[in-house]
Amino acid sequence: MFKGGMGNIMKQAQAMQEKMQKVQAEIANMEVTGESGAGLVKITMTGGHNVRRVEIDDSLLADDKEMLEDLVAAAMNDAVRRVEENNKEQMAKVTGGMQLPPGMKLPF
């Protein structure tokens, strides 16, 4: 009886691992946009943290360089934060909200 129960648990863990791998692949291709300066600077990156696009409003090109650099940094930080939030939400859908430690692999 114990043996059958353990086998069922392992099958469930393997199915969850397969779902997690699928979601991780989907996350890597998702795009998220961070912005600063009320949308004057936008950075789009993938769930894998690869920057796809940087958009700078023309009105900023005549302004001082230091302000533009600050806005780009802020947009980058916003994009990273949004990617992390999105990744966490997507993984929670697979794990049913169960918080797994970073790097934890299933089956155990």
PDB file of N, CA and C in Angstrom:
ATOM      1  N   MET A   1       0.824  -1.188   0.000  1.00  0.00           N
ATOM      2  CA  MET A   1       0.000   0.000   0.000  1.00  0.00           C
ATOM      3  C   MET A   1       0.870   1.255   0.000  1.00  0.00           C
ATOM      4  N   PHE A   2       1.890   1.279   0.840  1.00  0.00           N
ATOM      5  CA  PHE A   2       2.796   2.427   0.885  1.00  0.00           C
ATOM      6  C   PHE A   2       3.504   2.603  -0.445  1.00  0.00           C
ATOM      7  N   LYS A   3       3.899   1.466  -1.039  1.00  0.00           N
ATOM      8  CA  LYS A   3       4.638   1.524  -2.292  1.00  0.00           C
ATOM      9  C   LYS A   3       3.808   2.190  -3.397  1.00  0.00           C
ATOM     10  N   GLY A   4       2.526   1.821  -3.498  1.00  0.00           N
ATOM     11  CA  GLY A   4       1.660   2.420  -4.513  1.00  0.00           C
ATOM     12  C   GLY A   4       1.452   3.902  -4.272  1.00  0.00           C
ATOM     13  N   GLY A   5       1.314   4.288  -3.011  1.00  0.00           N
ATOM     14  CA  GLY A   5       1.140   5.695  -2.675  1.00  0.00           C
ATOM     15  C   GLY A   5       2.362   6.512  -3.029  1.00  0.00           C
ATOM     16  N   MET A   6       3.532   5.964  -2.773  1.00  0.00           N
ATOM     17  CA  MET A   6       4.782   6.657  -3.095  1.00  0.00           C
ATOM     18  C   MET A   6       4.941   6.791  -4.607  1.00  0.00           C
ATOM     19  N   GLY A   7       4.549   5.752  -5.335  1.00  0.00           N
ATOM     20  CA  GLY A   7       4.617   5.810  -6.799  1.00  0.00           C
ATOM     21  C   GLY A   7       3.718   6.897  -7.347  1.00  0.00           C
ATOM     22  N   ASN A   8       2.544   7.045  -6.760  1.00  0.00           N
ATOM     23  CA  ASN A   8       1.604   8.080  -7.180  1.00  0.00           C
ATOM     24  C   ASN A   8       2.169   9.468  -6.905  1.00  0.00           C
ATOM     25  N   ILE A   9       2.795   9.632  -5.750  1.00  0.00           N
ATOM     26  CA  ILE A   9       3.413  10.918  -5.406  1.00  0.00           C
ATOM     27  C   ILE A   9       4.514  11.254  -6.405  1.00  0.00           C
ATOM     28  N   MET A  10       5.320  10.262  -6.765  1.00  0.00           N
ATOM     29  CA  MET A  10       6.408  10.497  -7.726  1.00  0.00           C
ATOM     30  C   MET A  10       5.850  10.868  -9.103  1.00  0.00           C
ATOM     31  N   LYS A  11       4.756  10.219  -9.509  1.00  0.00           N
ATOM     32  CA  LYS A  11       4.133  10.557 -10.793  1.00  0.00           C
ATOM     33  C   LYS A  11       3.621  11.998 -10.778  1.00  0.00           C
ATOM     34  N   GLN A  12       2.999  12.387  -9.665  1.00  0.00           N
ATOM     35  CA  GLN A  12       2.503  13.759  -9.548  1.00  0.00           C
ATOM     36  C   GLN A  12       3.656  14.760  -9.581  1.00  0.00           C
ATOM     37  N   ALA A  13       4.741  14.423  -8.900  1.00  0.00           N
ATOM     38  CA  ALA A  13       5.905  15.309  -8.885  1.00  0.00           C
ATOM     39  C   ALA A  13       6.504  15.429 -10.281  1.00  0.00           C
ATOM     40  N   GLN A  14       6.555  14.315 -11.008  1.00  0.00           N
ATOM     41  CA  GLN A  14       7.098  14.344 -12.366  1.00  0.00           C
ATOM     42  C   GLN A  14       6.197  15.178 -13.278  1.00  0.00           C
ATOM     43  N   ALA A  15       4.879  15.041 -13.128  1.00  0.00           N
ATOM     44  CA  ALA A  15       3.952  15.836 -13.939  1.00  0.00           C
ATOM     45  C   ALA A  15       4.119  17.322 -13.632  1.00  0.00           C
ATOM     46  N   MET A  16       4.304  17.658 -12.353  1.00  0.00           N
ATOM     47  CA  MET A  16       4.506  19.058 -11.980  1.00  0.00           C
ATOM     48  C   MET A  16       5.808  19.579 -12.575  1.00  0.00           C
ATOM     49  N   GLN A  17       6.844  18.754 -12.560  1.00  0.00           N
ATOM     50  CA  GLN A  17       8.125  19.177 -13.124  1.00  0.00           C
ATOM     51  C   GLN A  17       7.978  19.456 -14.617  1.00  0.00           C
ATOM     52  N   GLU A  18       7.246  18.598 -15.327  1.00  0.00           N
ATOM     53  CA  GLU A  18       7.037  18.811 -16.760  1.00  0.00           C
ATOM     54  C   GLU A  18       6.275  20.113 -17.009  1.00  0.00           C
ATOM     55  N   LYS A  19       5.253  20.375 -16.191  1.00  0.00           N
ATOM     56  CA  LYS A  19       4.508  21.629 -16.326  1.00  0.00           C
ATOM     57  C   LYS A  19       5.413  22.826 -16.055  1.00  0.00           C
ATOM     58  N   MET A  20       6.257  22.706 -15.034  1.00  0.00           N
ATOM     59  CA  MET A  20       7.160  23.809 -14.691  1.00  0.00           C
ATOM     60  C   MET A  20       8.132  24.084 -15.829  1.00  0.00           C
ATOM     61  N   GLN A  21       8.651  23.034 -16.457  1.00  0.00           N
ATOM     62  CA  GLN A  21       9.577  23.227 -17.576  1.00  0.00           C
ATOM     63  C   GLN A  21       8.877  23.929 -18.734  1.00  0.00           C
ATOM     64  N   LYS A  22       7.628  23.549 -18.989  1.00  0.00           N
ATOM     65  CA  LYS A  22       6.863  24.186 -20.062  1.00  0.00           C
ATOM     66  C   LYS A  22       6.644  25.666 -19.750  1.00  0.00           C
ATOM     67  N   VAL A  23       6.251  25.966 -18.513  1.00  0.00           N
ATOM     68  CA  VAL A  23       6.012  27.357 -18.118  1.00  0.00           C
ATOM     69  C   VAL A  23       7.309  28.155 -18.158  1.00  0.00           C
ATOM     70  N   GLN A  24       8.418  27.556 -17.739  1.00  0.00           N
ATOM     71  CA  GLN A  24       9.707  28.255 -17.784  1.00  0.00           C
ATOM     72  C   GLN A  24      10.066  28.625 -19.217  1.00  0.00           C
ATOM     73  N   ALA A  25       9.790  27.730 -20.165  1.00  0.00           N
ATOM     74  CA  ALA A  25      10.066  28.035 -21.573  1.00  0.00           C
ATOM     75  C   ALA A  25       9.162  29.173 -22.058  1.00  0.00           C
ATOM     76  N   GLU A  26       7.890  29.151 -21.641  1.00  0.00           N
ATOM     77  CA  GLU A  26       6.971  30.228 -22.012  1.00  0.00           C
ATOM     78  C   GLU A  26       7.414  31.555 -21.403  1.00  0.00           C
ATOM     79  N   ILE A  27       7.827  31.518 -20.148  1.00  0.00           N
ATOM     80  CA  ILE A  27       8.282  32.729 -19.459  1.00  0.00           C
ATOM     81  C   ILE A  27       9.474  33.340 -20.183  1.00  0.00           C
ATOM     82  N   ALA A  28      10.406  32.501 -20.613  1.00  0.00           N
ATOM     83  CA  ALA A  28      11.616  32.996 -21.274  1.00  0.00           C
ATOM     84  C   ALA A  28      11.285  33.811 -22.519  1.00  0.00           C
ATOM     85  N   ASN A  29      10.153  33.499 -23.167  1.00  0.00           N
ATOM     86  CA  ASN A  29       9.771  34.201 -24.392  1.00  0.00           C
ATOM     87  C   ASN A  29       8.799  35.353 -24.167  1.00  0.00           C
ATOM     88  N   MET A  30       8.232  35.457 -22.965  1.00  0.00           N
ATOM     89  CA  MET A  30       7.314  36.565 -22.681  1.00  0.00           C
ATOM     90  C   MET A  30       8.078  37.883 -22.674  1.00  0.00           C
ATOM     91  N   GLU A  31       7.412  38.935 -23.108  1.00  0.00           N
ATOM     92  CA  GLU A  31       8.025  40.258 -23.075  1.00  0.00           C
ATOM     93  C   GLU A  31       7.301  41.140 -22.069  1.00  0.00           C
ATOM     94  N   VAL A  32       8.078  41.894 -21.307  1.00  0.00           N
ATOM     95  CA  VAL A  32       7.562  42.811 -20.297  1.00  0.00           C
ATOM     96  C   VAL A  32       8.240  44.153 -20.529  1.00  0.00           C
ATOM     97  N   THR A  33       7.478  45.241 -20.399  1.00  0.00           N
ATOM     98  CA  THR A  33       8.033  46.576 -20.612  1.00  0.00           C
ATOM     99  C   THR A  33       8.052  47.354 -19.306  1.00  0.00           C
ATOM    100  N   GLY A  34       9.228  47.881 -18.990  1.00  0.00           N
ATOM    101  CA  GLY A  34       9.386  48.782 -17.853  1.00  0.00           C
ATOM    102  C   GLY A  34       9.523  50.190 -18.390  1.00  0.00           C
ATOM    103  N   GLU A  35       9.121  51.160 -17.593  1.00  0.00           N
ATOM    104  CA  GLU A  35       9.206  52.539 -18.081  1.00  0.00           C
ATOM    105  C   GLU A  35       9.534  53.503 -16.957  1.00  0.00           C
ATOM    106  N   SER A  36       9.946  54.689 -17.371  1.00  0.00           N
ATOM    107  CA  SER A  36      10.215  55.776 -16.424  1.00  0.00           C
ATOM    108  C   SER A  36       9.878  57.089 -17.111  1.00  0.00           C
ATOM    109  N   GLY A  37       9.848  58.154 -16.306  1.00  0.00           N
ATOM    110  CA  GLY A  37       9.543  59.469 -16.871  1.00  0.00           C
ATOM    111  C   GLY A  37       8.177  59.502 -17.522  1.00  0.00           C
ATOM    112  N   ALA A  38       7.197  58.854 -16.885  1.00  0.00           N
ATOM    113  CA  ALA A  38       5.821  58.808 -17.410  1.00  0.00           C
ATOM    114  C   ALA A  38       5.781  58.252 -18.830  1.00  0.00           C
ATOM    115  N   GLY A  39       6.608  57.237 -19.090  1.00  0.00           N
ATOM    116  CA  GLY A  39       6.603  56.580 -20.388  1.00  0.00           C
ATOM    117  C   GLY A  39       7.549  57.177 -21.409  1.00  0.00           C
ATOM    118  N   LEU A  40       8.353  58.156 -21.014  1.00  0.00           N
ATOM    119  CA  LEU A  40       9.295  58.763 -21.962  1.00  0.00           C
ATOM    120  C   LEU A  40      10.447  57.820 -22.292  1.00  0.00           C
ATOM    121  N   VAL A  41      10.776  56.925 -21.361  1.00  0.00           N
ATOM    122  CA  VAL A  41      11.797  55.904 -21.602  1.00  0.00           C
ATOM    123  C   VAL A  41      11.155  54.557 -21.308  1.00  0.00           C
ATOM    124  N   LYS A  42      11.253  53.633 -22.272  1.00  0.00           N
ATOM    125  CA  LYS A  42      10.689  52.293 -22.111  1.00  0.00           C
ATOM    126  C   LYS A  42      11.743  51.254 -22.470  1.00  0.00           C
ATOM    127  N   ILE A  43      11.794  50.215 -21.660  1.00  0.00           N
ATOM    128  CA  ILE A  43      12.699  49.102 -21.937  1.00  0.00           C
ATOM    129  C   ILE A  43      11.870  47.829 -21.920  1.00  0.00           C
ATOM    130  N   THR A  44      11.953  47.073 -23.007  1.00  0.00           N
ATOM    131  CA  THR A  44      11.235  45.810 -23.115  1.00  0.00           C
ATOM    132  C   THR A  44      12.244  44.682 -23.002  1.00  0.00           C
ATOM    133  N   MET A  45      11.949  43.744 -22.088  1.00  0.00           N
ATOM    134  CA  MET A  45      12.844  42.602 -21.923  1.00  0.00           C
ATOM    135  C   MET A  45      12.030  41.325 -21.829  1.00  0.00           C
ATOM    136  N   THR A  46      12.708  40.214 -22.079  1.00  0.00           N
ATOM    137  CA  THR A  46      12.063  38.910 -21.991  1.00  0.00           C
ATOM    138  C   THR A  46      12.082  38.416 -20.555  1.00  0.00           C
ATOM    139  N   GLY A  47      11.337  37.358 -20.318  1.00  0.00           N
ATOM    140  CA  GLY A  47      11.335  36.729 -19.009  1.00  0.00           C
ATOM    141  C   GLY A  47      12.692  36.185 -18.629  1.00  0.00           C
ATOM    142  N   GLY A  48      13.550  35.997 -19.616  1.00  0.00           N
ATOM    143  CA  GLY A  48      14.925  35.558 -19.375  1.00  0.00           C
ATOM    144  C   GLY A  48      15.880  36.715 -19.159  1.00  0.00           C
ATOM    145  N   HIS A  49      15.340  37.917 -18.998  1.00  0.00           N
ATOM    146  CA  HIS A  49      16.105  39.143 -18.730  1.00  0.00           C
ATOM    147  C   HIS A  49      16.956  39.615 -19.912  1.00  0.00           C
ATOM    148  N   ASN A  50      16.567  39.278 -21.123  1.00  0.00           N
ATOM    149  CA  ASN A  50      17.255  39.801 -22.299  1.00  0.00           C
ATOM    150  C   ASN A  50      16.515  41.044 -22.779  1.00  0.00           C
ATOM    151  N   VAL A  51      17.246  42.140 -22.958  1.00  0.00           N
ATOM    152  CA  VAL A  51      16.630  43.389 -23.410  1.00  0.00           C
ATOM    153  C   VAL A  51      16.351  43.278 -24.901  1.00  0.00           C
ATOM    154  N   ARG A  52      15.096  43.519 -25.286  1.00  0.00           N
ATOM    155  CA  ARG A  52      14.693  43.452 -26.690  1.00  0.00           C
ATOM    156  C   ARG A  52      14.656  44.830 -27.337  1.00  0.00           C
ATOM    157  N   ARG A  53      14.162  45.827 -26.564  1.00  0.00           N
ATOM    158  CA  ARG A  53      14.007  47.167 -27.122  1.00  0.00           C
ATOM    159  C   ARG A  53      14.270  48.224 -26.066  1.00  0.00           C
ATOM    160  N   VAL A  54      14.823  49.336 -26.519  1.00  0.00           N
ATOM    161  CA  VAL A  54      14.949  50.533 -25.688  1.00  0.00           C
ATOM    162  C   VAL A  54      14.331  51.662 -26.499  1.00  0.00           C
ATOM    163  N   GLU A  55      13.318  52.310 -25.926  1.00  0.00           N
ATOM    164  CA  GLU A  55      12.641  53.412 -26.604  1.00  0.00           C
ATOM    165  C   GLU A  55      12.846  54.687 -25.790  1.00  0.00           C
ATOM    166  N   ILE A  56      13.329  55.726 -26.465  1.00  0.00           N
ATOM    167  CA  ILE A  56      13.559  57.019 -25.816  1.00  0.00           C
ATOM    168  C   ILE A  56      12.797  58.074 -26.606  1.00  0.00           C
ATOM    169  N   ASP A  57      11.919  58.778 -25.923  1.00  0.00           N
ATOM    170  CA  ASP A  57      11.138  59.827 -26.566  1.00  0.00           C
ATOM    171  C   ASP A  57      12.077  60.907 -27.099  1.00  0.00           C
ATOM    172  N   ASP A  58      11.784  61.398 -28.299  1.00  0.00           N
ATOM    173  CA  ASP A  58      12.623  62.416 -28.942  1.00  0.00           C
ATOM    174  C   ASP A  58      12.814  63.659 -28.078  1.00  0.00           C
ATOM    175  N   SER A  59      11.825  63.981 -27.267  1.00  0.00           N
ATOM    176  CA  SER A  59      11.925  65.191 -26.444  1.00  0.00           C
ATOM    177  C   SER A  59      13.076  65.106 -25.439  1.00  0.00           C
ATOM    178  N   LEU A  60      13.520  63.908 -25.117  1.00  0.00           N
ATOM    179  CA  LEU A  60      14.614  63.747 -24.150  1.00  0.00           C
ATOM    180  C   LEU A  60      15.998  63.906 -24.773  1.00  0.00           C
ATOM    181  N   LEU A  61      16.068  63.816 -26.081  1.00  0.00           N
ATOM    182  CA  LEU A  61      17.372  63.860 -26.733  1.00  0.00           C
ATOM    183  C   LEU A  61      18.019  65.233 -26.647  1.00  0.00           C
ATOM    184  N   ALA A  62      17.219  66.263 -26.476  1.00  0.00           N
ATOM    185  CA  ALA A  62      17.768  67.616 -26.358  1.00  0.00           C
ATOM    186  C   ALA A  62      18.098  67.966 -24.906  1.00  0.00           C
ATOM    187  N   ASP A  63      17.593  67.167 -23.953  1.00  0.00           N
ATOM    188  CA  ASP A  63      17.831  67.436 -22.531  1.00  0.00           C
ATOM    189  C   ASP A  63      19.220  66.973 -22.118  1.00  0.00           C
ATOM    190  N   ASP A  64      19.518  67.190 -20.845  1.00  0.00           N
ATOM    191  CA  ASP A  64      20.857  66.836 -20.381  1.00  0.00           C
ATOM    192  C   ASP A  64      21.056  65.322 -20.302  1.00  0.00           C
ATOM    193  N   LYS A  65      22.277  64.938 -20.555  1.00  0.00           N
ATOM    194  CA  LYS A  65      22.668  63.533 -20.627  1.00  0.00           C
ATOM    195  C   LYS A  65      22.439  62.816 -19.298  1.00  0.00           C
ATOM    196  N   GLU A  66      22.749  63.464 -18.201  1.00  0.00           N
ATOM    197  CA  GLU A  66      22.638  62.837 -16.881  1.00  0.00           C
ATOM    198  C   GLU A  66      21.187  62.446 -16.566  1.00  0.00           C
ATOM    199  N   MET A  67      20.242  63.308 -16.917  1.00  0.00           N
ATOM    200  CA  MET A  67      18.836  62.993 -16.673  1.00  0.00           C
ATOM    201  C   MET A  67      18.409  61.795 -17.515  1.00  0.00           C
ATOM    202  N   LEU A  68      18.844  61.755 -18.767  1.00  0.00           N
ATOM    203  CA  LEU A  68      18.510  60.641 -19.648  1.00  0.00           C
ATOM    204  C   LEU A  68      19.084  59.338 -19.099  1.00  0.00           C
ATOM    205  N   GLU A  69      20.315  59.376 -18.627  1.00  0.00           N
ATOM    206  CA  GLU A  69      20.931  58.180 -18.043  1.00  0.00           C
ATOM    207  C   GLU A  69      20.141  57.699 -16.830  1.00  0.00           C
ATOM    208  N   ASP A  70      19.695  58.623 -15.997  1.00  0.00           N
ATOM    209  CA  ASP A  70      18.892  58.263 -14.825  1.00  0.00           C
ATOM    210  C   ASP A  70      17.572  57.620 -15.236  1.00  0.00           C
ATOM    211  N   LEU A  71      16.946  58.171 -16.268  1.00  0.00           N
ATOM    212  CA  LEU A  71      15.676  57.619 -16.736  1.00  0.00           C
ATOM    213  C   LEU A  71      15.856  56.224 -17.334  1.00  0.00           C
ATOM    214  N   VAL A  72      16.946  56.011 -18.064  1.00  0.00           N
ATOM    215  CA  VAL A  72      17.218  54.685 -18.633  1.00  0.00           C
ATOM    216  C   VAL A  72      17.446  53.676 -17.507  1.00  0.00           C
ATOM    217  N   ALA A  73      18.218  54.059 -16.505  1.00  0.00           N
ATOM    218  CA  ALA A  73      18.467  53.165 -15.368  1.00  0.00           C
ATOM    219  C   ALA A  73      17.162  52.843 -14.641  1.00  0.00           C
ATOM    220  N   ALA A  74      16.320  53.846 -14.440  1.00  0.00           N
ATOM    221  CA  ALA A  74      15.046  53.630 -13.753  1.00  0.00           C
ATOM    222  C   ALA A  74      14.131  52.714 -14.566  1.00  0.00           C
ATOM    223  N   ALA A  75      14.105  52.899 -15.883  1.00  0.00           N
ATOM    224  CA  ALA A  75      13.284  52.043 -16.743  1.00  0.00           C
ATOM    225  C   ALA A  75      13.799  50.606 -16.723  1.00  0.00           C
ATOM    226  N   MET A  76      15.112  50.450 -16.705  1.00  0.00           N
ATOM    227  CA  MET A  76      15.709  49.112 -16.642  1.00  0.00           C
ATOM    228  C   MET A  76      15.326  48.427 -15.335  1.00  0.00           C
ATOM    229  N   ASN A  77      15.444  49.148 -14.239  1.00  0.00           N
ATOM    230  CA  ASN A  77      15.077  48.578 -12.938  1.00  0.00           C
ATOM    231  C   ASN A  77      13.594  48.216 -12.892  1.00  0.00           C
ATOM    232  N   ASP A  78      12.757  49.048 -13.482  1.00  0.00           N
ATOM    233  CA  ASP A  78      11.326  48.769 -13.525  1.00  0.00           C
ATOM    234  C   ASP A  78      11.053  47.517 -14.357  1.00  0.00           C
ATOM    235  N   ALA A  79      11.741  47.377 -15.486  1.00  0.00           N
ATOM    236  CA  ALA A  79      11.561  46.194 -16.332  1.00  0.00           C
ATOM    237  C   ALA A  79      11.977  44.927 -15.589  1.00  0.00           C
ATOM    238  N   VAL A  80      13.106  44.965 -14.900  1.00  0.00           N
ATOM    239  CA  VAL A  80      13.571  43.798 -14.141  1.00  0.00           C
ATOM    240  C   VAL A  80      12.550  43.435 -13.062  1.00  0.00           C
ATOM    241  N   ARG A  81      12.051  44.429 -12.350  1.00  0.00           N
ATOM    242  CA  ARG A  81      11.054  44.183 -11.303  1.00  0.00           C
ATOM    243  C   ARG A  81       9.796  43.541 -11.886  1.00  0.00           C
ATOM    244  N   ARG A  82       9.350  44.053 -13.028  1.00  0.00           N
ATOM    245  CA  ARG A  82       8.141  43.513 -13.658  1.00  0.00           C
ATOM    246  C   ARG A  82       8.361  42.087 -14.161  1.00  0.00           C
ATOM    247  N   VAL A  83       9.545  41.811 -14.701  1.00  0.00           N
ATOM    248  CA  VAL A  83       9.859  40.449 -15.147  1.00  0.00           C
ATOM    249  C   VAL A  83       9.813  39.492 -13.960  1.00  0.00           C
ATOM    250  N   GLU A  84      10.427  39.887 -12.854  1.00  0.00           N
ATOM    251  CA  GLU A  84      10.440  39.029 -11.663  1.00  0.00           C
ATOM    252  C   GLU A  84       9.026  38.776 -11.154  1.00  0.00           C
ATOM    253  N   GLU A  85       8.193  39.805 -11.119  1.00  0.00           N
ATOM    254  CA  GLU A  85       6.805  39.640 -10.682  1.00  0.00           C
ATOM    255  C   GLU A  85       6.053  38.703 -11.618  1.00  0.00           C
ATOM    256  N   ASN A  86       6.225  38.890 -12.923  1.00  0.00           N
ATOM    257  CA  ASN A  86       5.558  38.052 -13.912  1.00  0.00           C
ATOM    258  C   ASN A  86       6.009  36.598 -13.773  1.00  0.00           C
ATOM    259  N   ASN A  87       7.312  36.389 -13.637  1.00  0.00           N
ATOM    260  CA  ASN A  87       7.833  35.032 -13.504  1.00  0.00           C
ATOM    261  C   ASN A  87       7.249  34.351 -12.274  1.00  0.00           C
ATOM    262  N   LYS A  88       7.188  35.079 -11.180  1.00  0.00           N
ATOM    263  CA  LYS A  88       6.653  34.529  -9.930  1.00  0.00           C
ATOM    264  C   LYS A  88       5.177  34.163 -10.096  1.00  0.00           C
ATOM    265  N   GLU A  89       4.411  35.029 -10.747  1.00  0.00           N
ATOM    266  CA  GLU A  89       2.987  34.758 -10.974  1.00  0.00           C
ATOM    267  C   GLU A  89       2.788  33.528 -11.851  1.00  0.00           C
ATOM    268  N   GLN A  90       3.578  33.417 -12.914  1.00  0.00           N
ATOM    269  CA  GLN A  90       3.443  32.279 -13.821  1.00  0.00           C
ATOM    270  C   GLN A  90       3.790  30.966 -13.121  1.00  0.00           C
ATOM    271  N   MET A  91       4.842  30.977 -12.328  1.00  0.00           N
ATOM    272  CA  MET A  91       5.238  29.759 -11.617  1.00  0.00           C
ATOM    273  C   MET A  91       4.213  29.403 -10.541  1.00  0.00           C
ATOM    274  N   ALA A  92       3.590  30.396  -9.919  1.00  0.00           N
ATOM    275  CA  ALA A  92       2.570  30.132  -8.896  1.00  0.00           C
ATOM    276  C   ALA A  92       1.367  29.420  -9.507  1.00  0.00           C
ATOM    277  N   LYS A  93       1.085  29.695 -10.777  1.00  0.00           N
ATOM    278  CA  LYS A  93      -0.014  29.004 -11.452  1.00  0.00           C
ATOM    279  C   LYS A  93       0.256  27.506 -11.534  1.00  0.00           C
ATOM    280  N   VAL A  94       1.512  27.134 -11.740  1.00  0.00           N
ATOM    281  CA  VAL A  94       1.881  25.724 -11.858  1.00  0.00           C
ATOM    282  C   VAL A  94       1.924  25.051 -10.496  1.00  0.00           C
ATOM    283  N   THR A  95       2.470  25.733  -9.525  1.00  0.00           N
ATOM    284  CA  THR A  95       2.666  25.125  -8.205  1.00  0.00           C
ATOM    285  C   THR A  95       1.458  25.308  -7.297  1.00  0.00           C
ATOM    286  N   GLY A  96       0.411  25.930  -7.802  1.00  0.00           N
ATOM    287  CA  GLY A  96      -0.776  26.153  -6.990  1.00  0.00           C
ATOM    288  C   GLY A  96      -0.523  27.105  -5.848  1.00  0.00           C
ATOM    289  N   GLY A  97       0.407  28.019  -6.047  1.00  0.00           N
ATOM    290  CA  GLY A  97       0.727  28.991  -5.016  1.00  0.00           C
ATOM    291  C   GLY A  97       1.748  28.496  -4.012  1.00  0.00           C
ATOM    292  N   MET A  98       2.121  27.221  -4.116  1.00  0.00           N
ATOM    293  CA  MET A  98       3.120  26.671  -3.200  1.00  0.00           C
ATOM    294  C   MET A  98       4.462  27.331  -3.489  1.00  0.00           C
ATOM    295  N   GLN A  99       5.069  27.917  -2.490  1.00  0.00           N
ATOM    296  CA  GLN A  99       6.351  28.594  -2.655  1.00  0.00           C
ATOM    297  C   GLN A  99       7.481  27.572  -2.605  1.00  0.00           C
ATOM    298  N   LEU A 100       8.152  27.382  -3.732  1.00  0.00           N
ATOM    299  CA  LEU A 100       9.297  26.482  -3.784  1.00  0.00           C
ATOM    300  C   LEU A 100      10.565  27.309  -3.664  1.00  0.00           C
ATOM    301  N   PRO A 101      11.545  26.794  -2.947  1.00  0.00           N
ATOM    302  CA  PRO A 101      12.815  27.518  -2.855  1.00  0.00           C
ATOM    303  C   PRO A 101      13.436  27.682  -4.237  1.00  0.00           C
ATOM    304  N   PRO A 102      14.150  28.778  -4.491  1.00  0.00           N
ATOM    305  CA  PRO A 102      14.793  28.979  -5.792  1.00  0.00           C
ATOM    306  C   PRO A 102      15.711  27.811  -6.125  1.00  0.00           C
ATOM    307  N   GLY A 103      15.609  27.317  -7.343  1.00  0.00           N
ATOM    308  CA  GLY A 103      16.472  26.235  -7.798  1.00  0.00           C
ATOM    309  C   GLY A 103      15.998  24.851  -7.401  1.00  0.00           C
ATOM    310  N   MET A 104      14.888  24.759  -6.679  1.00  0.00           N
ATOM    311  CA  MET A 104      14.398  23.448  -6.252  1.00  0.00           C
ATOM    312  C   MET A 104      13.874  22.700  -7.459  1.00  0.00           C
ATOM    313  N   LYS A 105      14.292  21.466  -7.611  1.00  0.00           N
ATOM    314  CA  LYS A 105      13.910  20.645  -8.749  1.00  0.00           C
ATOM    315  C   LYS A 105      12.894  19.599  -8.309  1.00  0.00           C
ATOM    316  N   LEU A 106      11.958  19.312  -9.183  1.00  0.00           N
ATOM    317  CA  LEU A 106      11.003  18.236  -8.949  1.00  0.00           C
ATOM    318  C   LEU A 106      11.234  17.181 -10.009  1.00  0.00           C
ATOM    319  N   PRO A 107      11.026  15.882  -9.760  1.00  0.00           N
ATOM    320  CA  PRO A 107      10.679  15.304  -8.476  1.00  0.00           C
ATOM    321  C   PRO A 107      11.846  15.381  -7.513  1.00  0.00           C
ATOM    322  N   PHE A 108      11.533  15.255  -6.242  1.00  0.00           N
ATOM    323  CA  PHE A 108      12.503  15.461  -5.166  1.00  0.00           C
ATOM    324  C   PHE A 108      13.630  14.471  -5.225  1.00  0.00           C
TER     325      PHE A 108
END
